[in-house]
Amino acid sequence: MRAAFVSVRSWAEDEREGENEEILLDPARFVQRSQWVPHSARKQCHVCTRDFTLWRKKHTCRMCGDVVCGRCSMHKRVDLPLIENKFRVCSCCFFVYRQGYLKPPHAIPCVGHQVNMEWNCHDKVCVDPAIDPSDAKSLDLSTVFDSSRQYYDNSMMTMDEIMDAEDAALNARELELEEEVQASRLRVEELETKIAQEQSKHDLTLKQQHELHEAQKLITQLTRQLKLQEEQVQMRATFRESLVHEDIQRTRRHSGIIQQQRMKEDLQLSNDTAKLRRKLRKMERQLKQAGINVAEDIPYDEAKEKVEEISKRLQEIGSSEVVCDDKQKQAELRKEYFRLEQEMEKYNTALMMTDEYLEAEREKERQWHLKNKDENAACLLVLRQCIPVNISVLTERDLADTLGAEIAKKLKRTNVLQLVRTDPKTIQRMHPSVIEAYRLTGLSVFERRGLDEVLSTPATEWKKQVNDE
């Protein structure tokens, strides 16, 4: 006779060792390879019913023989004298096995009947000796899996307990709402009675008329609140009825699968988070080895204050080669200067990476352009008066006849000045890299101002097209 269908350990041993003991699977519970479901016959995982993908690969459960994904299965040790004695088992089969493994003997239903079950080597299914052999041949793998799933469902928290807890909370909330509704009704009736009494009097003063108007407003407001509370009570009652009339067996199985899936997803997220953290630490280490400091997450105000404070102290010390009569003080100052340089680099890098710093730099640039716009326009006007319109087609000899050899040489050698006589629409269609390739040698501040005015409009359009590229 093969091993029993349920592997039972003594309750006293389980109490001593606890759940920390590693559970060894009974190899007699495994199905033969001929009973495995082919991978081509399954497109979805048998446990989570999700489609198989490149990351959700197919695996075979050794206990039920069905096809499951890697997230719904695990490697467990088997009670065999092997070096690599780990086999893949789906979470449902392992949970059923663990429940039978951890339960005391008196808590396992029908233990005497299940222990006497034999493993039929010919049919590869669990067969009860009390069953007729002719009926035993009709048993298949689905019967065993359904019985295991039924035992798994009964071992978990029943849906009735969950529904009882929800019903208790809903009943308490309904009682509170009913009390509020009853109090609102009494208040409305009281106000209506008061209004009726006041209206029965013909001589109402202005104050009484104002109080009557306020009471009518209050009645309208309370009536509206009363309707809202009644609607809430009705919605909760409808929701409760829908929960009560729902199929309990299906809800229990579905909730169990969802709970397992959530636990697996949380575990996967924690694993992914740990991998990302390790990857970030490696990247930071590589950057430090390359001599690049990683910018820390420091607020803008704090980083700016630290930079100013460190800069002031560095100016007081002077330099890293400071010389003093006292050699000990000199060593301390040099050491402090080195430490301040490192802190300055850290805070300055963090400051330059903040959004506030980038916005402040853009604002400075805008203010500079607004301040110098008139002067740049005047410089551009003078340049256009000195440079011919058709400079792009004229040779250096042609320019020398009218402008002189020195100016002609500069206009042809420093070809960026030809943009002064180029149509702005043509410049806008050009790529910025083409303009960066132009020669800038020997440009004066006056000429740079004129070029800034020429390129201001195309540069605005280029910035809008950065995201498109």
Protein backbone atom coordinates (compact mmCIF):
# COMPACT_ATOMS: atom_id res chain seq x y z
CA MET A 1 0.00 0.00 0.00
CA ARG A 2 1.32 3.43 -0.96
CA ALA A 3 1.48 6.39 1.43
CA ALA A 4 -1.76 7.86 2.70
CA PHE A 5 -3.65 10.55 0.80
CA VAL A 6 -3.19 13.00 3.71
CA SER A 7 0.15 13.15 5.50
CA VAL A 8 -0.75 13.45 9.24
CA ARG A 9 1.78 14.46 11.87
CA SER A 10 1.24 14.31 15.60
CA TRP A 11 -0.44 17.34 17.15
CA ALA A 12 2.09 17.49 20.00
CA GLU A 13 5.01 17.68 17.57
CA ASP A 14 3.24 20.45 15.64
CA GLU A 15 2.72 22.43 18.83
CA ARG A 16 6.42 22.17 19.69
CA GLU A 17 7.87 23.00 16.29
CA GLY A 18 5.17 25.46 15.10
CA GLU A 19 4.62 26.70 11.63
CA ASN A 20 8.29 27.58 11.14
CA GLU A 21 9.05 23.92 10.34
CA GLU A 22 9.55 23.32 6.64
CA ILE A 23 6.82 21.11 5.24
CA LEU A 24 8.05 18.14 3.20
CA LEU A 25 5.66 17.04 0.48
CA ASP A 26 4.61 13.44 0.16
CA PRO A 27 5.76 12.14 -3.26
CA ALA A 28 2.84 9.74 -3.29
CA ARG A 29 0.57 12.73 -3.85
CA PHE A 30 2.25 13.46 -7.21
CA VAL A 31 0.65 12.41 -10.47
CA GLN A 32 2.53 10.57 -13.17
CA ARG A 33 3.87 12.42 -16.19
CA SER A 34 1.32 10.68 -18.40
CA GLN A 35 -1.45 12.38 -16.40
CA TRP A 36 -0.08 15.90 -16.94
CA VAL A 37 -2.17 18.33 -18.93
CA PRO A 38 -0.31 19.34 -22.13
CA HIS A 39 0.91 22.94 -22.21
CA SER A 40 -0.71 23.43 -25.60
CA ALA A 41 -4.13 22.66 -24.12
CA ARG A 42 -4.07 25.62 -21.75
CA LYS A 43 -4.00 29.31 -22.69
CA GLN A 44 -4.75 30.55 -19.18
CA CYS A 45 -3.45 29.75 -15.72
CA HIS A 46 -5.63 27.23 -13.89
CA VAL A 47 -5.41 29.22 -10.62
CA CYS A 48 -5.53 32.94 -11.53
CA THR A 49 -7.14 32.44 -15.00
CA ARG A 50 -4.72 34.93 -16.57
CA ASP A 51 -3.34 34.50 -20.07
CA PHE A 52 0.17 33.15 -20.42
CA THR A 53 2.69 35.66 -21.75
CA LEU A 54 6.43 35.96 -22.16
CA TRP A 55 6.76 36.92 -18.48
CA ARG A 56 3.97 34.64 -17.22
CA LYS A 57 5.39 31.28 -18.30
CA LYS A 58 3.72 27.88 -18.20
CA HIS A 59 4.56 25.33 -15.49
CA THR A 60 3.09 22.01 -14.43
CA CYS A 61 1.88 21.31 -10.89
CA ARG A 62 3.21 17.94 -9.69
CA MET A 63 0.13 17.32 -7.50
CA CYS A 64 -2.77 18.07 -9.86
CA GLY A 65 -0.92 17.92 -13.18
CA ASP A 66 -2.55 21.08 -14.48
CA VAL A 67 -0.82 24.03 -16.15
CA VAL A 68 -0.21 27.08 -13.93
CA CYS A 69 1.89 30.23 -14.17
CA GLY A 70 5.07 30.94 -12.26
CA ARG A 71 3.35 33.38 -9.90
CA CYS A 72 0.73 30.83 -8.85
CA SER A 73 3.25 28.04 -8.19
CA MET A 74 6.27 27.51 -5.98
CA HIS A 75 9.16 25.11 -5.48
CA LYS A 76 8.73 22.90 -2.41
CA ARG A 77 10.93 20.22 -0.90
CA VAL A 78 9.84 16.60 -1.20
CA ASP A 79 10.49 13.81 1.27
CA LEU A 80 12.98 12.03 -1.00
CA PRO A 81 16.73 11.29 -0.56
CA LEU A 82 17.76 13.51 -3.45
CA ILE A 83 20.18 16.43 -3.70
CA GLU A 84 17.77 18.55 -5.75
CA ASN A 85 14.49 17.49 -4.20
CA LYS A 86 12.44 20.60 -4.98
CA PHE A 87 9.42 20.30 -7.25
CA ARG A 88 6.89 22.86 -8.44
CA VAL A 89 3.44 22.79 -6.84
CA CYS A 90 0.56 25.21 -7.42
CA SER A 91 -0.62 27.37 -4.53
CA CYS A 92 -4.04 25.67 -4.29
CA CYS A 93 -2.60 22.17 -3.92
CA PHE A 94 0.03 23.33 -1.45
CA PHE A 95 -2.57 25.15 0.66
CA VAL A 96 -4.75 22.04 0.79
CA TYR A 97 -1.73 19.92 1.69
CA ARG A 98 -0.61 22.37 4.37
CA GLN A 99 -4.06 22.49 5.97
CA GLY A 100 -4.06 18.73 6.27
CA TYR A 101 -0.44 18.81 7.47
CA LEU A 102 -1.01 21.34 10.27
CA LYS A 103 -4.42 20.14 11.51
CA PRO A 104 -4.57 17.80 14.53
CA PRO A 105 -5.79 14.26 13.87
CA HIS A 106 -9.18 14.85 15.49
CA ALA A 107 -9.76 17.99 13.38
CA ILE A 108 -9.39 16.31 9.97
CA PRO A 109 -12.76 15.18 8.64
CA CYS A 110 -13.11 11.53 7.67
CA VAL A 111 -9.50 10.70 8.50
CA GLY A 112 -10.14 7.03 8.92
CA HIS A 113 -11.78 6.85 5.55
CA GLN A 114 -9.09 8.88 3.77
CA VAL A 115 -6.09 7.11 5.31
CA ASN A 116 -7.30 3.81 3.93
CA MET A 117 -7.41 5.19 0.40
CA GLU A 118 -4.90 3.53 -1.91
CA TRP A 119 -2.93 5.00 -4.77
CA ASN A 120 -3.86 3.14 -7.93
CA CYS A 121 -0.66 2.86 -9.96
CA HIS A 122 -2.51 1.83 -13.09
CA ASP A 123 -5.05 4.64 -13.22
CA LYS A 124 -2.79 7.19 -11.45
CA VAL A 125 -5.65 8.43 -9.22
CA CYS A 126 -6.57 8.03 -5.55
CA VAL A 127 -8.98 5.10 -5.21
CA ASP A 128 -11.00 4.22 -2.16
CA PRO A 129 -11.03 0.47 -1.43
CA ALA A 130 -14.71 0.79 -0.50
CA ILE A 131 -15.52 1.88 -4.06
CA ASP A 132 -16.32 -0.70 -6.66
CA PRO A 133 -13.34 -1.25 -9.03
CA SER A 134 -15.58 -0.73 -12.02
CA ASP A 135 -16.57 2.69 -10.65
CA ALA A 136 -12.96 3.50 -9.78
CA LYS A 137 -11.97 3.38 -13.41
CA SER A 138 -14.32 6.24 -14.15
CA LEU A 139 -12.48 8.52 -11.70
CA ASP A 140 -10.21 11.09 -13.28
CA LEU A 141 -7.94 13.90 -12.26
CA SER A 142 -10.72 16.49 -12.14
CA THR A 143 -12.49 14.52 -9.37
CA VAL A 144 -9.39 14.64 -7.19
CA PHE A 145 -8.83 18.34 -7.90
CA ASP A 146 -12.48 19.21 -7.18
CA SER A 147 -12.36 17.39 -3.86
CA SER A 148 -9.10 19.19 -2.99
CA ARG A 149 -10.57 22.53 -3.99
CA GLN A 150 -13.69 21.82 -1.89
CA TYR A 151 -11.53 21.00 1.13
CA TYR A 152 -9.48 24.15 0.47
CA ASP A 153 -12.63 26.29 0.35
CA ASN A 154 -13.98 24.80 3.58
CA SER A 155 -10.65 25.32 5.36
CA MET A 156 -10.62 29.07 4.71
CA MET A 157 -12.72 31.68 6.48
CA THR A 158 -16.27 31.07 5.27
CA MET A 159 -18.14 33.79 3.49
CA ASP A 160 -20.87 33.54 6.10
CA GLU A 161 -18.52 34.96 8.74
CA ILE A 162 -17.56 37.82 6.44
CA MET A 163 -21.20 38.51 5.61
CA ASP A 164 -22.12 38.43 9.32
CA ALA A 165 -19.50 41.08 10.08
CA GLU A 166 -20.70 43.23 7.19
CA ASP A 167 -24.33 42.76 8.24
CA ALA A 168 -23.53 43.88 11.79
CA ALA A 169 -21.84 47.05 10.52
CA LEU A 170 -24.69 47.77 8.11
CA ASN A 171 -27.30 47.20 10.82
CA ALA A 172 -25.55 49.62 13.16
CA ARG A 173 -25.33 52.24 10.42
CA GLU A 174 -28.99 51.75 9.49
CA LEU A 175 -30.04 52.24 13.11
CA GLU A 176 -28.07 55.50 13.28
CA LEU A 177 -29.62 56.74 10.04
CA GLU A 178 -33.12 55.79 11.19
CA GLU A 179 -32.61 57.71 14.44
CA GLU A 180 -31.41 60.76 12.49
CA VAL A 181 -34.38 60.52 10.12
CA GLN A 182 -36.82 60.21 13.03
CA ALA A 183 -35.27 63.24 14.78
CA SER A 184 -35.48 65.24 11.56
CA ARG A 185 -39.14 64.34 11.12
CA LEU A 186 -39.96 65.41 14.66
CA ARG A 187 -38.13 68.69 14.12
CA VAL A 188 -40.04 69.33 10.88
CA GLU A 189 -43.37 68.57 12.54
CA GLU A 190 -42.52 70.90 15.42
CA LEU A 191 -41.62 73.73 13.06
CA GLU A 192 -44.73 73.20 10.95
CA THR A 193 -46.89 73.33 14.09
CA LYS A 194 -45.17 76.53 15.18
CA ILE A 195 -45.71 78.11 11.76
CA ALA A 196 -49.34 77.11 11.75
CA GLN A 197 -49.83 78.71 15.17
CA GLU A 198 -48.12 81.91 14.06
CA GLN A 199 -50.12 82.10 10.86
CA SER A 200 -53.35 81.79 12.83
CA LYS A 201 -52.59 85.21 14.28
CA HIS A 202 -53.44 88.04 11.94
CA ASP A 203 -51.31 90.76 13.51
CA LEU A 204 -47.69 89.62 12.84
CA THR A 205 -44.86 92.01 13.55
CA LEU A 206 -41.84 92.39 11.27
CA LYS A 207 -39.71 90.35 13.65
CA GLN A 208 -42.26 87.56 13.70
CA GLN A 209 -42.48 87.61 9.91
CA HIS A 210 -38.68 87.34 9.72
CA GLU A 211 -38.69 84.41 12.17
CA LEU A 212 -41.44 82.78 10.13
CA HIS A 213 -39.39 83.16 6.95
CA GLU A 214 -36.29 81.68 8.64
CA ALA A 215 -38.36 78.77 9.95
CA GLN A 216 -39.64 78.03 6.44
CA LYS A 217 -36.06 78.01 5.14
CA LEU A 218 -35.05 75.64 7.92
CA ILE A 219 -37.96 73.35 7.09
CA THR A 220 -36.90 73.26 3.44
CA GLN A 221 -33.32 72.45 4.40
CA LEU A 222 -34.34 69.72 6.85
CA THR A 223 -36.67 68.21 4.27
CA ARG A 224 -33.84 68.05 1.76
CA GLN A 225 -31.53 66.41 4.32
CA LEU A 226 -34.29 63.98 5.23
CA LYS A 227 -34.66 62.90 1.60
CA LEU A 228 -30.91 62.42 1.26
CA GLN A 229 -30.79 60.28 4.40
CA GLU A 230 -33.71 58.18 3.21
CA GLU A 231 -31.97 57.66 -0.14
CA GLN A 232 -28.80 56.56 1.66
CA VAL A 233 -30.75 54.10 3.78
CA GLN A 234 -32.46 52.74 0.68
CA MET A 235 -29.15 52.36 -1.16
CA ARG A 236 -27.58 50.52 1.77
CA ALA A 237 -30.59 48.24 2.07
CA THR A 238 -30.43 47.45 -1.65
CA PHE A 239 -26.71 46.77 -1.44
CA ARG A 240 -27.23 44.48 1.54
CA GLU A 241 -29.93 42.51 -0.25
CA SER A 242 -27.69 42.08 -3.28
CA LEU A 243 -24.95 40.72 -1.02
CA VAL A 244 -27.30 38.35 0.78
CA HIS A 245 -28.81 36.91 -2.40
CA GLU A 246 -25.44 36.42 -4.08
CA ASP A 247 -24.12 32.90 -4.60
CA ILE A 248 -22.16 32.15 -1.40
CA GLN A 249 -20.12 29.29 -2.83
CA ARG A 250 -18.97 31.25 -5.84
CA THR A 251 -18.21 34.33 -3.77
CA ARG A 252 -16.14 32.27 -1.35
CA ARG A 253 -14.01 30.78 -4.10
CA HIS A 254 -13.68 34.09 -5.91
CA SER A 255 -12.69 35.94 -2.74
CA GLY A 256 -10.10 33.31 -1.93
CA ILE A 257 -8.54 33.59 -5.39
CA ILE A 258 -8.55 37.40 -5.22
CA GLN A 259 -6.94 37.34 -1.80
CA GLN A 260 -4.21 35.01 -3.00
CA GLN A 261 -3.67 37.10 -6.12
CA ARG A 262 -3.37 40.28 -4.05
CA MET A 263 -0.83 38.63 -1.77
CA LYS A 264 1.18 37.51 -4.80
CA GLU A 265 1.01 40.96 -6.39
CA ASP A 266 2.12 42.60 -3.13
CA LEU A 267 5.02 40.15 -2.92
CA GLN A 268 5.93 40.83 -6.53
CA LEU A 269 5.81 44.60 -5.92
CA SER A 270 8.05 44.26 -2.89
CA ASN A 271 10.51 42.19 -4.93
CA ASP A 272 10.46 44.74 -7.77
CA THR A 273 11.02 47.56 -5.28
CA ALA A 274 14.00 45.77 -3.78
CA LYS A 275 15.47 45.19 -7.24
CA LEU A 276 15.05 48.85 -8.15
CA ARG A 277 16.73 49.94 -4.93
CA ARG A 278 19.68 47.64 -5.57
CA LYS A 279 19.92 48.94 -9.13
CA LEU A 280 19.88 52.55 -7.91
CA ARG A 281 22.63 51.84 -5.40
CA LYS A 282 24.77 50.29 -8.14
CA MET A 283 24.20 53.27 -10.43
CA GLU A 284 25.14 55.69 -7.65
CA ARG A 285 28.30 53.68 -6.99
CA GLN A 286 29.22 53.73 -10.69
CA LEU A 287 28.66 57.48 -10.92
CA LYS A 288 30.82 58.10 -7.88
CA GLN A 289 33.57 55.94 -9.34
CA ALA A 290 33.35 58.02 -12.54
CA GLY A 291 33.75 61.21 -10.50
CA ILE A 292 30.13 62.35 -10.82
CA ASN A 293 28.22 63.28 -7.69
CA VAL A 294 24.59 62.19 -7.51
CA ALA A 295 22.26 65.10 -6.75
CA GLU A 296 20.44 64.64 -3.46
CA ASP A 297 16.83 65.62 -2.86
CA ILE A 298 17.35 68.89 -0.95
CA PRO A 299 14.78 71.73 -0.94
CA TYR A 300 15.64 74.86 -2.92
CA ASP A 301 15.63 77.26 0.04
CA GLU A 302 17.80 75.01 2.19
CA ALA A 303 20.31 74.37 -0.62
CA LYS A 304 20.51 78.08 -1.47
CA GLU A 305 21.08 79.03 2.16
CA LYS A 306 23.79 76.39 2.56
CA VAL A 307 25.57 77.51 -0.63
CA GLU A 308 25.67 81.11 0.57
CA GLU A 309 26.87 80.09 4.02
CA ILE A 310 29.62 77.80 2.69
CA SER A 311 30.71 80.39 0.11
CA LYS A 312 31.09 83.00 2.81
CA ARG A 313 33.19 80.67 4.95
CA LEU A 314 35.39 79.69 1.98
CA GLN A 315 36.11 83.35 1.30
CA GLU A 316 37.10 83.81 4.94
CA ILE A 317 39.59 80.93 4.79
CA GLY A 318 41.02 82.07 1.47
CA SER A 319 42.22 78.96 -0.35
CA SER A 320 43.14 75.31 0.12
CA GLU A 321 46.81 76.33 0.41
CA VAL A 322 46.30 78.76 3.27
CA VAL A 323 49.44 79.48 5.29
CA CYS A 324 49.52 80.30 9.03
CA ASP A 325 52.23 80.62 11.64
CA ASP A 326 50.53 77.97 13.74
CA LYS A 327 50.97 74.68 11.86
CA GLN A 328 48.15 72.96 13.74
CA LYS A 329 45.71 75.74 12.88
CA GLN A 330 46.94 75.68 9.28
CA ALA A 331 46.20 71.95 9.04
CA GLU A 332 42.74 72.46 10.55
CA LEU A 333 41.92 75.27 8.10
CA ARG A 334 43.04 73.21 5.10
CA LYS A 335 41.02 70.25 6.32
CA GLU A 336 37.98 72.47 6.85
CA TYR A 337 38.42 74.00 3.39
CA PHE A 338 38.49 70.53 1.80
CA ARG A 339 35.35 69.50 3.69
CA LEU A 340 33.55 72.72 2.72
CA GLU A 341 34.44 72.16 -0.94
CA GLN A 342 32.78 68.74 -0.83
CA GLU A 343 29.68 70.17 0.86
CA MET A 344 29.61 73.04 -1.65
CA GLU A 345 29.64 70.57 -4.54
CA LYS A 346 26.84 68.53 -2.95
CA TYR A 347 24.53 71.47 -2.21
CA ASN A 348 25.32 73.26 -5.47
CA THR A 349 24.49 70.13 -7.50
CA ALA A 350 21.22 69.69 -5.60
CA LEU A 351 20.43 73.40 -6.06
CA MET A 352 20.95 73.30 -9.82
CA MET A 353 18.63 70.28 -10.16
CA THR A 354 15.63 71.94 -8.46
CA ASP A 355 12.71 73.31 -10.46
CA GLU A 356 12.89 76.64 -8.64
CA TYR A 357 16.50 77.18 -9.73
CA LEU A 358 15.73 76.40 -13.37
CA GLU A 359 12.73 78.73 -13.31
CA ALA A 360 14.83 81.48 -11.71
CA GLU A 361 17.48 81.12 -14.44
CA ARG A 362 14.82 81.31 -17.16
CA GLU A 363 13.39 84.41 -15.50
CA LYS A 364 16.84 86.04 -15.43
CA GLU A 365 17.25 85.32 -19.12
CA ARG A 366 13.84 86.84 -19.93
CA GLN A 367 14.60 89.94 -17.88
CA TRP A 368 17.96 90.37 -19.63
CA HIS A 369 16.36 90.18 -23.07
CA LEU A 370 13.68 92.69 -22.09
CA LYS A 371 16.27 95.06 -20.67
CA ASN A 372 18.61 94.92 -23.69
CA LYS A 373 16.04 94.59 -26.45
CA ASP A 374 16.26 98.22 -27.58
CA GLU A 375 20.07 98.28 -27.60
CA ASN A 376 20.21 94.98 -29.50
CA ALA A 377 17.77 96.31 -32.10
CA ALA A 378 19.92 99.44 -32.58
CA CYS A 379 23.06 97.32 -33.04
CA LEU A 380 21.26 95.16 -35.61
CA LEU A 381 20.21 98.26 -37.55
CA VAL A 382 23.82 99.52 -37.74
CA LEU A 383 25.08 96.10 -38.84
CA ARG A 384 22.54 95.88 -41.63
CA GLN A 385 23.61 99.31 -42.86
CA CYS A 386 27.23 98.11 -43.12
CA ILE A 387 26.64 94.65 -44.63
CA PRO A 388 25.37 94.28 -48.22
CA VAL A 389 22.07 92.52 -48.84
CA ASN A 390 23.55 89.98 -51.27
CA ILE A 391 26.59 89.14 -49.15
CA SER A 392 25.99 85.41 -49.55
CA VAL A 393 26.70 85.58 -53.31
CA LEU A 394 29.51 88.15 -53.24
CA THR A 395 33.11 87.05 -53.12
CA GLU A 396 35.78 88.43 -50.85
CA ARG A 397 37.29 90.39 -53.77
CA ASP A 398 33.92 92.00 -54.56
CA LEU A 399 33.51 93.05 -50.94
CA ALA A 400 37.07 94.40 -50.80
CA ASP A 401 36.32 96.84 -53.63
CA THR A 402 33.57 98.53 -51.61
CA LEU A 403 34.24 97.79 -47.91
CA GLY A 404 37.97 97.29 -47.79
CA ALA A 405 40.10 94.17 -47.57
CA GLU A 406 40.04 93.87 -43.78
CA ILE A 407 36.24 94.09 -43.41
CA ALA A 408 35.69 91.83 -46.44
CA LYS A 409 38.00 89.22 -44.95
CA LYS A 410 36.17 89.33 -41.62
CA LEU A 411 32.70 89.06 -43.21
CA LYS A 412 33.75 86.01 -45.23
CA ARG A 413 35.78 84.31 -42.50
CA THR A 414 33.25 84.94 -39.71
CA ASN A 415 30.30 83.66 -41.73
CA VAL A 416 27.83 83.89 -38.83
CA LEU A 417 27.49 87.62 -39.66
CA GLN A 418 25.73 86.65 -42.88
CA LEU A 419 22.64 85.80 -40.76
CA VAL A 420 22.10 89.56 -40.39
CA ARG A 421 21.06 89.67 -44.06
CA THR A 422 19.16 86.33 -44.03
CA ASP A 423 15.36 86.11 -43.98
CA PRO A 424 14.13 85.19 -40.44
CA LYS A 425 11.77 82.56 -41.93
CA THR A 426 14.75 80.92 -43.63
CA ILE A 427 16.66 80.90 -40.33
CA GLN A 428 13.66 79.36 -38.59
CA ARG A 429 13.62 76.44 -41.05
CA MET A 430 17.32 75.77 -40.41
CA HIS A 431 18.43 73.30 -37.77
CA PRO A 432 20.21 74.84 -34.74
CA SER A 433 23.20 72.55 -35.31
CA VAL A 434 23.84 74.26 -38.67
CA ILE A 435 24.11 77.65 -36.99
CA GLU A 436 26.30 76.25 -34.22
CA ALA A 437 28.77 75.17 -36.94
CA TYR A 438 29.26 78.78 -38.11
CA ARG A 439 32.52 80.49 -37.14
CA LEU A 440 32.34 82.98 -34.26
CA THR A 441 36.01 83.99 -34.08
CA GLY A 442 36.65 87.72 -33.56
CA LEU A 443 33.06 88.82 -32.83
CA SER A 444 32.73 92.00 -30.79
CA VAL A 445 30.05 92.73 -28.19
CA PHE A 446 28.37 95.07 -30.67
CA GLU A 447 28.12 92.30 -33.29
CA ARG A 448 26.94 89.75 -30.73
CA ARG A 449 24.10 92.07 -29.70
CA GLY A 450 22.91 92.29 -33.29
CA LEU A 451 23.05 88.52 -33.75
CA ASP A 452 21.10 88.04 -30.51
CA GLU A 453 18.29 90.20 -31.89
CA VAL A 454 18.30 88.25 -35.18
CA LEU A 455 18.12 84.81 -33.50
CA SER A 456 15.63 85.69 -30.74
CA THR A 457 12.51 84.93 -32.82
CA PRO A 458 13.77 81.65 -34.41
CA ALA A 459 15.05 80.47 -31.02
CA THR A 460 11.54 80.79 -29.57
CA GLU A 461 10.16 78.53 -32.31
CA TRP A 462 13.00 76.05 -31.88
CA LYS A 463 12.19 75.68 -28.18
CA LYS A 464 8.57 74.85 -29.03
CA GLN A 465 9.74 72.07 -31.36
CA VAL A 466 12.05 70.41 -28.82
CA ASN A 467 9.36 67.98 -27.64
CA ASP A 468 8.38 67.14 -31.23
CA GLU A 469 11.88 65.97 -32.04
